[in-house]
Amino acid sequence: MTLLSEIHSVIPKPLDMWFSKKIASVGAVLALLGCNKDNAGPVSEIQCIPAVYLTDYCPTKKETHLVRLLKPTPYATKMESSSPGNEVYVAAVINLPQSLIKRDTIFQLQFHYDPQAELDNKAVGPCNANIAPAKMVVYDGVSEAVCP
């Protein structure tokens, strides 16, 4: 006689079914907790692109500002212009320091794209339809030298 059959012979059938359901429930909860369904993808390497401050972005969990990137990048939102060939690239920068919040000033923005940070920093209030949605990037610094 195995240990399992000995346990079954001692525990009454209704109680045995109750234990089986509880064990299955605990197993399902543990499986869900161990699953990382929000893994949004890899973080990019640090980019360096000349940028110009535009405005505050939508209300978000972390302070976020909209900048115009002066070179194309897959980590920015491409906005069509009225004249062909004059596309504008914008990005919402998480944690941009106060010293860079100056209109019409070009700075050499260093940033990386982190899809999880973008998911965690979704808008928490109404957005201006003219500027949203924009891809979000995370501020890393400013380059003293001109970005390549």
Protein backbone atom coordinates (compact mmCIF):
# COMPACT_ATOMS: atom_id res chain seq x y z
CA MET A 1 0.00 0.00 0.00
CA THR A 2 1.41 3.43 -0.95
CA LEU A 3 1.48 6.49 1.28
CA LEU A 4 -1.11 8.23 -0.88
CA SER A 5 -3.53 5.29 -0.71
CA GLU A 6 -3.03 5.13 3.08
CA ILE A 7 -3.93 8.82 3.37
CA HIS A 8 -7.00 8.29 1.18
CA SER A 9 -8.14 5.39 3.36
CA VAL A 10 -7.96 7.53 6.52
CA ILE A 11 -9.42 10.80 5.17
CA PRO A 12 -13.15 10.74 4.45
CA LYS A 13 -14.08 11.32 0.77
CA PRO A 14 -15.66 14.82 1.17
CA LEU A 15 -12.63 16.01 3.13
CA ASP A 16 -10.30 14.43 0.56
CA MET A 17 -12.02 16.39 -2.22
CA TRP A 18 -11.79 19.60 -0.17
CA PHE A 19 -7.99 19.14 0.25
CA SER A 20 -7.59 18.42 -3.46
CA LYS A 21 -9.43 21.62 -4.41
CA LYS A 22 -7.40 23.70 -1.94
CA ILE A 23 -4.12 22.29 -3.24
CA ALA A 24 -5.20 23.00 -6.84
CA SER A 25 -6.18 26.58 -5.89
CA VAL A 26 -2.85 27.23 -4.18
CA GLY A 27 -1.01 25.79 -7.19
CA ALA A 28 -2.91 28.07 -9.58
CA VAL A 29 -2.17 31.16 -7.48
CA LEU A 30 1.54 30.29 -7.29
CA ALA A 31 1.66 29.75 -11.05
CA LEU A 32 0.12 33.19 -11.66
CA LEU A 33 2.48 34.90 -9.24
CA GLY A 34 5.50 33.33 -10.90
CA CYS A 35 4.42 34.46 -14.34
CA ASN A 36 5.77 37.85 -15.46
CA LYS A 37 3.18 38.82 -18.06
CA ASP A 38 4.16 42.50 -17.96
CA ASN A 39 7.67 41.95 -19.31
CA ALA A 40 7.54 44.55 -22.06
CA GLY A 41 10.80 43.80 -23.81
CA PRO A 42 14.44 44.80 -23.83
CA VAL A 43 15.84 48.17 -22.81
CA SER A 44 17.70 50.01 -25.57
CA GLU A 45 21.28 51.19 -25.43
CA ILE A 46 21.84 54.86 -24.59
CA GLN A 47 21.08 57.13 -27.54
CA CYS A 48 22.43 60.64 -28.10
CA ILE A 49 20.32 62.95 -30.26
CA PRO A 50 20.08 66.76 -30.41
CA ALA A 51 16.76 67.85 -28.94
CA VAL A 52 14.66 70.95 -28.29
CA TYR A 53 12.29 71.29 -25.33
CA LEU A 54 8.66 71.76 -26.39
CA THR A 55 6.25 71.54 -23.45
CA ASP A 56 4.98 69.58 -20.47
CA TYR A 57 3.55 66.21 -21.46
CA CYS A 58 0.34 64.63 -20.20
CA PRO A 59 -0.09 64.19 -16.46
CA THR A 60 1.85 60.98 -15.68
CA LYS A 61 3.12 59.19 -12.57
CA LYS A 62 6.63 60.61 -13.07
CA GLU A 63 7.27 64.10 -14.42
CA THR A 64 7.45 63.88 -18.21
CA HIS A 65 8.21 66.53 -20.84
CA LEU A 66 7.84 66.56 -24.61
CA VAL A 67 10.93 67.24 -26.71
CA ARG A 68 11.52 67.43 -30.43
CA LEU A 69 14.36 65.19 -31.55
CA LEU A 70 16.34 66.70 -34.41
CA LYS A 71 17.26 63.30 -35.89
CA PRO A 72 15.04 60.29 -36.61
CA THR A 73 15.02 57.39 -34.17
CA PRO A 74 12.73 54.38 -33.73
CA TYR A 75 12.30 55.49 -30.10
CA ALA A 76 10.42 58.67 -31.07
CA THR A 77 6.96 59.31 -32.47
CA LYS A 78 7.03 60.49 -36.07
CA MET A 79 4.60 63.33 -36.70
CA GLU A 80 3.74 64.17 -40.28
CA SER A 81 4.32 67.71 -41.47
CA SER A 82 2.23 69.68 -43.93
CA SER A 83 5.19 69.73 -46.32
CA PRO A 84 6.61 66.37 -47.48
CA GLY A 85 10.05 65.45 -46.12
CA ASN A 86 9.72 67.67 -43.05
CA GLU A 87 8.63 65.06 -40.52
CA VAL A 88 9.03 65.93 -36.87
CA TYR A 89 10.12 63.39 -34.24
CA VAL A 90 8.92 63.85 -30.68
CA ALA A 91 9.42 61.91 -27.47
CA ALA A 92 8.11 62.25 -23.95
CA VAL A 93 11.17 62.26 -21.66
CA ILE A 94 10.80 60.82 -18.17
CA ASN A 95 12.76 62.69 -15.47
CA LEU A 96 14.04 65.56 -17.63
CA PRO A 97 15.82 67.96 -15.23
CA GLN A 98 14.57 71.51 -14.64
CA SER A 99 17.77 72.94 -16.13
CA LEU A 100 16.70 71.68 -19.59
CA ILE A 101 13.14 72.98 -19.45
CA LYS A 102 13.81 76.03 -21.63
CA ARG A 103 11.99 76.65 -24.88
CA ASP A 104 13.95 76.85 -28.12
CA THR A 105 17.24 75.69 -26.59
CA ILE A 106 19.06 72.84 -28.35
CA PHE A 107 20.75 70.30 -26.08
CA GLN A 108 22.43 66.94 -26.70
CA LEU A 109 19.96 64.54 -25.09
CA GLN A 110 21.18 61.17 -23.88
CA PHE A 111 18.36 58.71 -23.24
CA HIS A 112 17.35 55.10 -23.45
CA TYR A 113 14.08 53.42 -24.28
CA ASP A 114 12.65 51.20 -21.55
CA PRO A 115 9.31 49.64 -22.48
CA GLN A 116 8.58 48.79 -18.83
CA ALA A 117 9.13 52.42 -17.77
CA GLU A 118 6.77 53.47 -20.56
CA LEU A 119 4.11 51.02 -19.32
CA ASP A 120 4.58 52.15 -15.70
CA ASN A 121 4.31 55.86 -16.61
CA LYS A 122 1.06 55.95 -18.57
CA ALA A 123 -1.00 59.13 -18.52
CA VAL A 124 -3.10 59.55 -15.36
CA GLY A 125 -5.11 62.53 -16.58
CA PRO A 126 -6.40 64.22 -19.71
CA CYS A 127 -3.90 64.75 -22.54
CA ASN A 128 -3.69 67.39 -25.22
CA ALA A 129 -4.71 65.52 -28.38
CA ASN A 130 -2.11 67.43 -30.41
CA ILE A 131 0.81 65.88 -28.54
CA ALA A 132 -0.41 62.48 -27.42
CA PRO A 133 0.40 59.71 -27.55
CA ALA A 134 4.17 60.00 -27.85
CA LYS A 135 6.74 57.31 -27.19
CA MET A 136 8.40 57.71 -23.79
CA VAL A 137 12.12 57.55 -23.17
CA VAL A 138 14.15 57.78 -19.96
CA TYR A 139 16.59 60.67 -19.45
CA ASP A 140 20.23 59.62 -18.96
CA GLY A 141 22.12 62.90 -19.28
CA VAL A 142 23.36 65.60 -21.58
CA SER A 143 26.43 65.27 -23.77
CA GLU A 144 28.97 68.11 -23.72
CA ALA A 145 29.99 67.14 -27.25
CA VAL A 146 27.61 67.31 -30.21
CA CYS A 147 25.85 63.99 -30.72
CA PRO A 148 27.02 62.08 -33.80
